[in-house]
Amino acid sequence: MKYRKNKIKRQHSIIKGLKKFLEHNVSSLDSVEGIIPGRIKVGKTPGENLIVSYQYSTISGAKLIARSGTSVQEVFVITNDPNKLKKVIKENYPD
């Protein structure tokens, strides 16, 4: 498909560190069909390290929020098993 590599849509920019996390942890899951990074906003909380959190399940998969520095990005994951995705996020970013 156009603009896709390793199930990740690459039409727009991706915040620092997120691409590597998605390639190594999320796109490797068999249940994941696609990953669509959304818009980037400026957050109020500063921080240097990437933090990814599971927001909620959608009809087609799940919505994640990624934070790096003052940038915040939505990430939509198309999957038939959101619970497996949630587990991977918790393993890498425990509360």
PDB file of N, CA and C in Angstrom:
ATOM      1  N   MET A   1       0.824  -1.185   0.000  1.00  0.00           N
ATOM      2  CA  MET A   1       0.000   0.000   0.000  1.00  0.00           C
ATOM      3  C   MET A   1       0.871   1.252   0.000  1.00  0.00           C
ATOM      4  N   LYS A   2       0.281   2.311  -0.509  1.00  0.00           N
ATOM      5  CA  LYS A   2       0.997   3.570  -0.594  1.00  0.00           C
ATOM      6  C   LYS A   2       1.290   4.134   0.799  1.00  0.00           C
ATOM      7  N   TYR A   3       2.492   4.627   0.993  1.00  0.00           N
ATOM      8  CA  TYR A   3       2.958   5.241   2.240  1.00  0.00           C
ATOM      9  C   TYR A   3       3.106   4.265   3.398  1.00  0.00           C
ATOM     10  N   ARG A   4       3.123   2.967   3.170  1.00  0.00           N
ATOM     11  CA  ARG A   4       3.203   2.024   4.287  1.00  0.00           C
ATOM     12  C   ARG A   4       4.506   1.233   4.250  1.00  0.00           C
ATOM     13  N   LYS A   5       5.040   1.010   5.450  1.00  0.00           N
ATOM     14  CA  LYS A   5       6.209   0.165   5.623  1.00  0.00           C
ATOM     15  C   LYS A   5       6.070  -0.471   6.997  1.00  0.00           C
ATOM     16  N   ASN A   6       6.196  -1.788   7.080  1.00  0.00           N
ATOM     17  CA  ASN A   6       6.016  -2.522   8.342  1.00  0.00           C
ATOM     18  C   ASN A   6       4.671  -2.217   8.992  1.00  0.00           C
ATOM     19  N   LYS A   7       3.623  -2.149   8.187  1.00  0.00           N
ATOM     20  CA  LYS A   7       2.248  -1.900   8.649  1.00  0.00           C
ATOM     21  C   LYS A   7       2.019  -0.478   9.148  1.00  0.00           C
ATOM     22  N   ILE A   8       3.035   0.379   9.096  1.00  0.00           N
ATOM     23  CA  ILE A   8       2.926   1.747   9.619  1.00  0.00           C
ATOM     24  C   ILE A   8       2.740   2.727   8.463  1.00  0.00           C
ATOM     25  N   LYS A   9       1.681   3.502   8.510  1.00  0.00           N
ATOM     26  CA  LYS A   9       1.443   4.522   7.498  1.00  0.00           C
ATOM     27  C   LYS A   9       2.423   5.666   7.738  1.00  0.00           C
ATOM     28  N   ARG A  10       3.105   6.109   6.670  1.00  0.00           N
ATOM     29  CA  ARG A  10       4.156   7.119   6.827  1.00  0.00           C
ATOM     30  C   ARG A  10       3.904   8.367   5.994  1.00  0.00           C
ATOM     31  N   GLN A  11       2.671   8.782   5.908  1.00  0.00           N
ATOM     32  CA  GLN A  11       2.366   9.966   5.119  1.00  0.00           C
ATOM     33  C   GLN A  11       2.729  11.242   5.877  1.00  0.00           C
ATOM     34  N   HIS A  12       2.611  11.216   7.189  1.00  0.00           N
ATOM     35  CA  HIS A  12       2.899  12.386   8.013  1.00  0.00           C
ATOM     36  C   HIS A  12       4.047  12.075   8.967  1.00  0.00           C
ATOM     37  N   SER A  13       4.482  13.061   9.713  1.00  0.00           N
ATOM     38  CA  SER A  13       5.603  12.847  10.625  1.00  0.00           C
ATOM     39  C   SER A  13       5.196  12.063  11.866  1.00  0.00           C
ATOM     40  N   ILE A  14       6.208  11.512  12.511  1.00  0.00           N
ATOM     41  CA  ILE A  14       6.033  10.709  13.722  1.00  0.00           C
ATOM     42  C   ILE A  14       6.978  11.280  14.773  1.00  0.00           C
ATOM     43  N   ILE A  15       6.505  11.394  16.025  1.00  0.00           N
ATOM     44  CA  ILE A  15       7.336  11.998  17.070  1.00  0.00           C
ATOM     45  C   ILE A  15       8.549  11.119  17.403  1.00  0.00           C
ATOM     46  N   LYS A  16       9.522  11.742  18.005  1.00  0.00           N
ATOM     47  CA  LYS A  16      10.801  11.117  18.326  1.00  0.00           C
ATOM     48  C   LYS A  16      10.633   9.828  19.142  1.00  0.00           C
ATOM     49  N   GLY A  17      11.204   8.734  18.642  1.00  0.00           N
ATOM     50  CA  GLY A  17      11.201   7.460  19.343  1.00  0.00           C
ATOM     51  C   GLY A  17      10.000   6.576  19.068  1.00  0.00           C
ATOM     52  N   LEU A  18       8.922   7.147  18.540  1.00  0.00           N
ATOM     53  CA  LEU A  18       7.693   6.373  18.336  1.00  0.00           C
ATOM     54  C   LEU A  18       7.830   5.357  17.205  1.00  0.00           C
ATOM     55  N   LYS A  19       8.464   5.749  16.121  1.00  0.00           N
ATOM     56  CA  LYS A  19       8.625   4.847  14.973  1.00  0.00           C
ATOM     57  C   LYS A  19       9.328   3.559  15.392  1.00  0.00           C
ATOM     58  N   LYS A  20      10.408   3.688  16.135  1.00  0.00           N
ATOM     59  CA  LYS A  20      11.173   2.521  16.593  1.00  0.00           C
ATOM     60  C   LYS A  20      10.316   1.627  17.490  1.00  0.00           C
ATOM     61  N   PHE A  21       9.561   2.230  18.418  1.00  0.00           N
ATOM     62  CA  PHE A  21       8.693   1.460  19.307  1.00  0.00           C
ATOM     63  C   PHE A  21       7.636   0.703  18.513  1.00  0.00           C
ATOM     64  N   LEU A  22       7.000   1.375  17.567  1.00  0.00           N
ATOM     65  CA  LEU A  22       5.953   0.734  16.772  1.00  0.00           C
ATOM     66  C   LEU A  22       6.506  -0.413  15.929  1.00  0.00           C
ATOM     67  N   GLU A  23       7.676  -0.217  15.329  1.00  0.00           N
ATOM     68  CA  GLU A  23       8.279  -1.260  14.494  1.00  0.00           C
ATOM     69  C   GLU A  23       8.673  -2.481  15.311  1.00  0.00           C
ATOM     70  N   HIS A  24       9.255  -2.280  16.476  1.00  0.00           N
ATOM     71  CA  HIS A  24       9.767  -3.401  17.268  1.00  0.00           C
ATOM     72  C   HIS A  24       8.715  -4.094  18.119  1.00  0.00           C
ATOM     73  N   ASN A  25       7.700  -3.377  18.554  1.00  0.00           N
ATOM     74  CA  ASN A  25       6.755  -3.954  19.506  1.00  0.00           C
ATOM     75  C   ASN A  25       5.341  -4.158  18.982  1.00  0.00           C
ATOM     76  N   VAL A  26       4.855  -3.253  18.162  1.00  0.00           N
ATOM     77  CA  VAL A  26       3.452  -3.314  17.754  1.00  0.00           C
ATOM     78  C   VAL A  26       3.265  -3.966  16.388  1.00  0.00           C
ATOM     79  N   SER A  27       4.021  -3.542  15.383  1.00  0.00           N
ATOM     80  CA  SER A  27       3.815  -4.086  14.036  1.00  0.00           C
ATOM     81  C   SER A  27       4.184  -5.557  13.936  1.00  0.00           C
ATOM     82  N   SER A  28       4.965  -6.058  14.880  1.00  0.00           N
ATOM     83  CA  SER A  28       5.351  -7.473  14.860  1.00  0.00           C
ATOM     84  C   SER A  28       4.233  -8.398  15.343  1.00  0.00           C
ATOM     85  N   LEU A  29       3.179  -7.846  15.950  1.00  0.00           N
ATOM     86  CA  LEU A  29       2.059  -8.665  16.413  1.00  0.00           C
ATOM     87  C   LEU A  29       1.250  -9.160  15.216  1.00  0.00           C
ATOM     88  N   ASP A  30       0.910 -10.444  15.208  1.00  0.00           N
ATOM     89  CA  ASP A  30       0.143 -11.020  14.105  1.00  0.00           C
ATOM     90  C   ASP A  30      -1.251 -10.419  13.991  1.00  0.00           C
ATOM     91  N   SER A  31      -1.826 -10.029  15.103  1.00  0.00           N
ATOM     92  CA  SER A  31      -3.194  -9.503  15.101  1.00  0.00           C
ATOM     93  C   SER A  31      -3.284  -8.063  14.586  1.00  0.00           C
ATOM     94  N   VAL A  32      -2.152  -7.379  14.449  1.00  0.00           N
ATOM     95  CA  VAL A  32      -2.146  -5.990  13.981  1.00  0.00           C
ATOM     96  C   VAL A  32      -2.106  -5.961  12.455  1.00  0.00           C
ATOM     97  N   GLU A  33      -3.076  -5.253  11.863  1.00  0.00           N
ATOM     98  CA  GLU A  33      -3.148  -5.140  10.409  1.00  0.00           C
ATOM     99  C   GLU A  33      -2.587  -3.815   9.908  1.00  0.00           C
ATOM    100  N   GLY A  34      -2.676  -2.777  10.723  1.00  0.00           N
ATOM    101  CA  GLY A  34      -2.184  -1.479  10.301  1.00  0.00           C
ATOM    102  C   GLY A  34      -2.023  -0.527  11.469  1.00  0.00           C
ATOM    103  N   ILE A  35      -1.136   0.464  11.282  1.00  0.00           N
ATOM    104  CA  ILE A  35      -0.878   1.473  12.306  1.00  0.00           C
ATOM    105  C   ILE A  35      -0.934   2.833  11.622  1.00  0.00           C
ATOM    106  N   ILE A  36      -1.771   3.718  12.150  1.00  0.00           N
ATOM    107  CA  ILE A  36      -1.952   5.031  11.542  1.00  0.00           C
ATOM    108  C   ILE A  36      -1.637   6.116  12.570  1.00  0.00           C
ATOM    109  N   PRO A  37      -0.447   6.720  12.479  1.00  0.00           N
ATOM    110  CA  PRO A  37      -0.132   7.833  13.376  1.00  0.00           C
ATOM    111  C   PRO A  37      -1.018   9.030  13.034  1.00  0.00           C
ATOM    112  N   GLY A  38      -1.583   9.656  14.053  1.00  0.00           N
ATOM    113  CA  GLY A  38      -2.477  10.793  13.851  1.00  0.00           C
ATOM    114  C   GLY A  38      -1.760  12.115  14.012  1.00  0.00           C
ATOM    115  N   ARG A  39      -2.542  13.125  14.331  1.00  0.00           N
ATOM    116  CA  ARG A  39      -1.993  14.471  14.434  1.00  0.00           C
ATOM    117  C   ARG A  39      -1.090  14.628  15.657  1.00  0.00           C
ATOM    118  N   ILE A  40      -0.171  15.562  15.543  1.00  0.00           N
ATOM    119  CA  ILE A  40       0.754  15.877  16.632  1.00  0.00           C
ATOM    120  C   ILE A  40       0.310  17.202  17.248  1.00  0.00           C
ATOM    121  N   LYS A  41       0.186  17.213  18.562  1.00  0.00           N
ATOM    122  CA  LYS A  41      -0.178  18.428  19.292  1.00  0.00           C
ATOM    123  C   LYS A  41       0.957  18.780  20.249  1.00  0.00           C
ATOM    124  N   VAL A  42       0.936  19.990  20.732  1.00  0.00           N
ATOM    125  CA  VAL A  42       1.899  20.415  21.743  1.00  0.00           C
ATOM    126  C   VAL A  42       1.246  20.216  23.101  1.00  0.00           C
ATOM    127  N   GLY A  43       1.905  19.412  23.946  1.00  0.00           N
ATOM    128  CA  GLY A  43       1.378  19.147  25.280  1.00  0.00           C
ATOM    129  C   GLY A  43       1.878  20.155  26.292  1.00  0.00           C
ATOM    130  N   LYS A  44       1.319  20.093  27.474  1.00  0.00           N
ATOM    131  CA  LYS A  44       1.705  21.022  28.537  1.00  0.00           C
ATOM    132  C   LYS A  44       2.786  20.451  29.441  1.00  0.00           C
ATOM    133  N   THR A  45       2.891  19.125  29.488  1.00  0.00           N
ATOM    134  CA  THR A  45       3.842  18.485  30.387  1.00  0.00           C
ATOM    135  C   THR A  45       5.137  18.165  29.650  1.00  0.00           C
ATOM    136  N   PRO A  46       6.265  18.716  30.078  1.00  0.00           N
ATOM    137  CA  PRO A  46       7.528  18.382  29.424  1.00  0.00           C
ATOM    138  C   PRO A  46       8.052  17.024  29.890  1.00  0.00           C
ATOM    139  N   GLY A  47       8.782  16.381  29.029  1.00  0.00           N
ATOM    140  CA  GLY A  47       9.405  15.109  29.364  1.00  0.00           C
ATOM    141  C   GLY A  47      10.263  14.687  28.194  1.00  0.00           C
ATOM    142  N   GLU A  48      11.368  14.048  28.455  1.00  0.00           N
ATOM    143  CA  GLU A  48      12.276  13.703  27.374  1.00  0.00           C
ATOM    144  C   GLU A  48      12.019  12.331  26.786  1.00  0.00           C
ATOM    145  N   ASN A  49      11.622  11.373  27.608  1.00  0.00           N
ATOM    146  CA  ASN A  49      11.478   9.999  27.145  1.00  0.00           C
ATOM    147  C   ASN A  49      10.104   9.757  26.538  1.00  0.00           C
ATOM    148  N   LEU A  50      10.072   8.815  25.607  1.00  0.00           N
ATOM    149  CA  LEU A  50       8.818   8.421  24.980  1.00  0.00           C
ATOM    150  C   LEU A  50       7.961   7.642  25.970  1.00  0.00           C
ATOM    151  N   ILE A  51       6.688   7.988  26.040  1.00  0.00           N
ATOM    152  CA  ILE A  51       5.717   7.261  26.859  1.00  0.00           C
ATOM    153  C   ILE A  51       4.518   6.969  25.969  1.00  0.00           C
ATOM    154  N   VAL A  52       4.149   5.698  25.879  1.00  0.00           N
ATOM    155  CA  VAL A  52       2.991   5.295  25.081  1.00  0.00           C
ATOM    156  C   VAL A  52       1.946   4.727  26.025  1.00  0.00           C
ATOM    157  N   SER A  53       0.710   5.181  25.889  1.00  0.00           N
ATOM    158  CA  SER A  53      -0.362   4.672  26.740  1.00  0.00           C
ATOM    159  C   SER A  53      -1.562   4.270  25.889  1.00  0.00           C
ATOM    160  N   TYR A  54      -2.257   3.261  26.375  1.00  0.00           N
ATOM    161  CA  TYR A  54      -3.461   2.753  25.718  1.00  0.00           C
ATOM    162  C   TYR A  54      -4.629   3.634  26.136  1.00  0.00           C
ATOM    163  N   GLN A  55      -5.340   4.209  25.181  1.00  0.00           N
ATOM    164  CA  GLN A  55      -6.466   5.080  25.500  1.00  0.00           C
ATOM    165  C   GLN A  55      -7.768   4.296  25.607  1.00  0.00           C
ATOM    166  N   TYR A  56      -8.206   3.721  24.475  1.00  0.00           N
ATOM    167  CA  TYR A  56      -9.456   2.967  24.473  1.00  0.00           C
ATOM    168  C   TYR A  56      -9.563   2.110  23.217  1.00  0.00           C
ATOM    169  N   SER A  57     -10.479   1.154  23.250  1.00  0.00           N
ATOM    170  CA  SER A  57     -10.749   0.301  22.096  1.00  0.00           C
ATOM    171  C   SER A  57     -11.702   1.026  21.150  1.00  0.00           C
ATOM    172  N   THR A  58     -11.522   0.784  19.856  1.00  0.00           N
ATOM    173  CA  THR A  58     -12.408   1.332  18.836  1.00  0.00           C
ATOM    174  C   THR A  58     -13.043   0.166  18.088  1.00  0.00           C
ATOM    175  N   ILE A  59     -13.904   0.467  17.144  1.00  0.00           N
ATOM    176  CA  ILE A  59     -14.550  -0.586  16.357  1.00  0.00           C
ATOM    177  C   ILE A  59     -13.510  -1.397  15.590  1.00  0.00           C
ATOM    178  N   SER A  60     -12.501  -0.723  15.055  1.00  0.00           N
ATOM    179  CA  SER A  60     -11.498  -1.408  14.240  1.00  0.00           C
ATOM    180  C   SER A  60     -10.219  -1.766  14.990  1.00  0.00           C
ATOM    181  N   GLY A  61     -10.098  -1.403  16.263  1.00  0.00           N
ATOM    182  CA  GLY A  61      -8.870  -1.707  16.991  1.00  0.00           C
ATOM    183  C   GLY A  61      -8.725  -0.923  18.269  1.00  0.00           C
ATOM    184  N   ALA A  62      -7.727  -0.002  18.287  1.00  0.00           N
ATOM    185  CA  ALA A  62      -7.454   0.744  19.515  1.00  0.00           C
ATOM    186  C   ALA A  62      -6.826   2.096  19.202  1.00  0.00           C
ATOM    187  N   LYS A  63      -6.940   2.995  20.177  1.00  0.00           N
ATOM    188  CA  LYS A  63      -6.292   4.298  20.083  1.00  0.00           C
ATOM    189  C   LYS A  63      -5.236   4.383  21.170  1.00  0.00           C
ATOM    190  N   LEU A  64      -4.033   4.804  20.779  1.00  0.00           N
ATOM    191  CA  LEU A  64      -2.924   4.995  21.706  1.00  0.00           C
ATOM    192  C   LEU A  64      -2.566   6.477  21.734  1.00  0.00           C
ATOM    193  N   ILE A  65      -1.932   6.897  22.814  1.00  0.00           N
ATOM    194  CA  ILE A  65      -1.383   8.247  22.915  1.00  0.00           C
ATOM    195  C   ILE A  65       0.110   8.110  23.191  1.00  0.00           C
ATOM    196  N   ALA A  66       0.912   8.808  22.385  1.00  0.00           N
ATOM    197  CA  ALA A  66       2.362   8.795  22.569  1.00  0.00           C
ATOM    198  C   ALA A  66       2.816  10.201  22.950  1.00  0.00           C
ATOM    199  N   ARG A  67       3.703  10.284  23.953  1.00  0.00           N
ATOM    200  CA  ARG A  67       4.236  11.565  24.412  1.00  0.00           C
ATOM    201  C   ARG A  67       5.762  11.507  24.384  1.00  0.00           C
ATOM    202  N   SER A  68       6.352  12.550  23.823  1.00  0.00           N
ATOM    203  CA  SER A  68       7.806  12.672  23.794  1.00  0.00           C
ATOM    204  C   SER A  68       8.131  14.158  23.814  1.00  0.00           C
ATOM    205  N   GLY A  69       8.898  14.571  24.799  1.00  0.00           N
ATOM    206  CA  GLY A  69       9.141  16.003  24.960  1.00  0.00           C
ATOM    207  C   GLY A  69       7.823  16.683  25.273  1.00  0.00           C
ATOM    208  N   THR A  70       7.517  17.753  24.549  1.00  0.00           N
ATOM    209  CA  THR A  70       6.219  18.400  24.726  1.00  0.00           C
ATOM    210  C   THR A  70       5.239  17.995  23.632  1.00  0.00           C
ATOM    211  N   SER A  71       5.622  17.051  22.779  1.00  0.00           N
ATOM    212  CA  SER A  71       4.755  16.595  21.691  1.00  0.00           C
ATOM    213  C   SER A  71       3.867  15.440  22.135  1.00  0.00           C
ATOM    214  N   VAL A  72       2.631  15.470  21.663  1.00  0.00           N
ATOM    215  CA  VAL A  72       1.659  14.413  21.946  1.00  0.00           C
ATOM    216  C   VAL A  72       1.070  13.978  20.611  1.00  0.00           C
ATOM    217  N   GLN A  73       1.063  12.659  20.359  1.00  0.00           N
ATOM    218  CA  GLN A  73       0.542  12.155  19.091  1.00  0.00           C
ATOM    219  C   GLN A  73      -0.448  11.025  19.318  1.00  0.00           C
ATOM    220  N   GLU A  74      -1.547  11.073  18.572  1.00  0.00           N
ATOM    221  CA  GLU A  74      -2.518   9.984  18.580  1.00  0.00           C
ATOM    222  C   GLU A  74      -2.022   8.905  17.629  1.00  0.00           C
ATOM    223  N   VAL A  75      -2.250   7.646  17.983  1.00  0.00           N
ATOM    224  CA  VAL A  75      -1.889   6.532  17.110  1.00  0.00           C
ATOM    225  C   VAL A  75      -3.072   5.577  17.084  1.00  0.00           C
ATOM    226  N   PHE A  76      -3.562   5.292  15.883  1.00  0.00           N
ATOM    227  CA  PHE A  76      -4.669   4.359  15.725  1.00  0.00           C
ATOM    228  C   PHE A  76      -4.117   3.033  15.220  1.00  0.00           C
ATOM    229  N   VAL A  77      -4.472   1.956  15.894  1.00  0.00           N
ATOM    230  CA  VAL A  77      -3.978   0.627  15.538  1.00  0.00           C
ATOM    231  C   VAL A  77      -5.164  -0.220  15.093  1.00  0.00           C
ATOM    232  N   ILE A  78      -5.065  -0.773  13.893  1.00  0.00           N
ATOM    233  CA  ILE A  78      -6.104  -1.659  13.376  1.00  0.00           C
ATOM    234  C   ILE A  78      -5.722  -3.074  13.782  1.00  0.00           C
ATOM    235  N   THR A  79      -6.529  -3.668  14.655  1.00  0.00           N
ATOM    236  CA  THR A  79      -6.236  -4.998  15.179  1.00  0.00           C
ATOM    237  C   THR A  79      -7.529  -5.716  15.539  1.00  0.00           C
ATOM    238  N   ASN A  80      -7.496  -7.040  15.482  1.00  0.00           N
ATOM    239  CA  ASN A  80      -8.665  -7.815  15.898  1.00  0.00           C
ATOM    240  C   ASN A  80      -8.512  -8.313  17.335  1.00  0.00           C
ATOM    241  N   ASP A  81      -7.399  -7.971  17.997  1.00  0.00           N
ATOM    242  CA  ASP A  81      -7.178  -8.370  19.387  1.00  0.00           C
ATOM    243  C   ASP A  81      -6.588  -7.202  20.192  1.00  0.00           C
ATOM    244  N   PRO A  82      -7.418  -6.219  20.577  1.00  0.00           N
ATOM    245  CA  PRO A  82      -6.917  -5.065  21.330  1.00  0.00           C
ATOM    246  C   PRO A  82      -6.305  -5.433  22.679  1.00  0.00           C
ATOM    247  N   ASN A  83      -6.743  -6.535  23.276  1.00  0.00           N
ATOM    248  CA  ASN A  83      -6.196  -6.933  24.579  1.00  0.00           C
ATOM    249  C   ASN A  83      -4.727  -7.326  24.488  1.00  0.00           C
ATOM    250  N   LYS A  84      -4.338  -7.966  23.395  1.00  0.00           N
ATOM    251  CA  LYS A  84      -2.929  -8.323  23.196  1.00  0.00           C
ATOM    252  C   LYS A  84      -2.087  -7.056  23.055  1.00  0.00           C
ATOM    253  N   LEU A  85      -2.610  -6.084  22.342  1.00  0.00           N
ATOM    254  CA  LEU A  85      -1.929  -4.798  22.184  1.00  0.00           C
ATOM    255  C   LEU A  85      -1.794  -4.096  23.533  1.00  0.00           C
ATOM    256  N   LYS A  86      -2.854  -4.111  24.309  1.00  0.00           N
ATOM    257  CA  LYS A  86      -2.849  -3.494  25.637  1.00  0.00           C
ATOM    258  C   LYS A  86      -1.776  -4.125  26.522  1.00  0.00           C
ATOM    259  N   LYS A  87      -1.625  -5.441  26.424  1.00  0.00           N
ATOM    260  CA  LYS A  87      -0.620  -6.165  27.205  1.00  0.00           C
ATOM    261  C   LYS A  87       0.797  -5.739  26.811  1.00  0.00           C
ATOM    262  N   VAL A  88       1.039  -5.591  25.513  1.00  0.00           N
ATOM    263  CA  VAL A  88       2.362  -5.164  25.031  1.00  0.00           C
ATOM    264  C   VAL A  88       2.683  -3.758  25.535  1.00  0.00           C
ATOM    265  N   ILE A  89       1.704  -2.872  25.515  1.00  0.00           N
ATOM    266  CA  ILE A  89       1.915  -1.503  26.001  1.00  0.00           C
ATOM    267  C   ILE A  89       2.237  -1.521  27.495  1.00  0.00           C
ATOM    268  N   LYS A  90       1.494  -2.292  28.268  1.00  0.00           N
ATOM    269  CA  LYS A  90       1.733  -2.377  29.731  1.00  0.00           C
ATOM    270  C   LYS A  90       3.107  -2.950  30.049  1.00  0.00           C
ATOM    271  N   GLU A  91       3.565  -3.941  29.254  1.00  0.00           N
ATOM    272  CA  GLU A  91       4.888  -4.540  29.481  1.00  0.00           C
ATOM    273  C   GLU A  91       5.997  -3.522  29.253  1.00  0.00           C
ATOM    274  N   ASN A  92       5.837  -2.662  28.249  1.00  0.00           N
ATOM    275  CA  ASN A  92       6.869  -1.687  27.915  1.00  0.00           C
ATOM    276  C   ASN A  92       6.765  -0.393  28.712  1.00  0.00           C
ATOM    277  N   TYR A  93       5.552  -0.037  29.102  1.00  0.00           N
ATOM    278  CA  TYR A  93       5.328   1.204  29.850  1.00  0.00           C
ATOM    279  C   TYR A  93       4.403   0.943  31.029  1.00  0.00           C
ATOM    280  N   PRO A  94       4.899   0.290  32.078  1.00  0.00           N
ATOM    281  CA  PRO A  94       4.054   0.055  33.255  1.00  0.00           C
ATOM    282  C   PRO A  94       3.721   1.381  33.941  1.00  0.00           C
ATOM    283  N   ASP A  95       2.567   1.432  34.551  1.00  0.00           N
ATOM    284  CA  ASP A  95       2.125   2.679  35.216  1.00  0.00           C
ATOM    285  C   ASP A  95       2.970   3.040  36.381  1.00  0.00           C
TER     286      ASP A  95
END
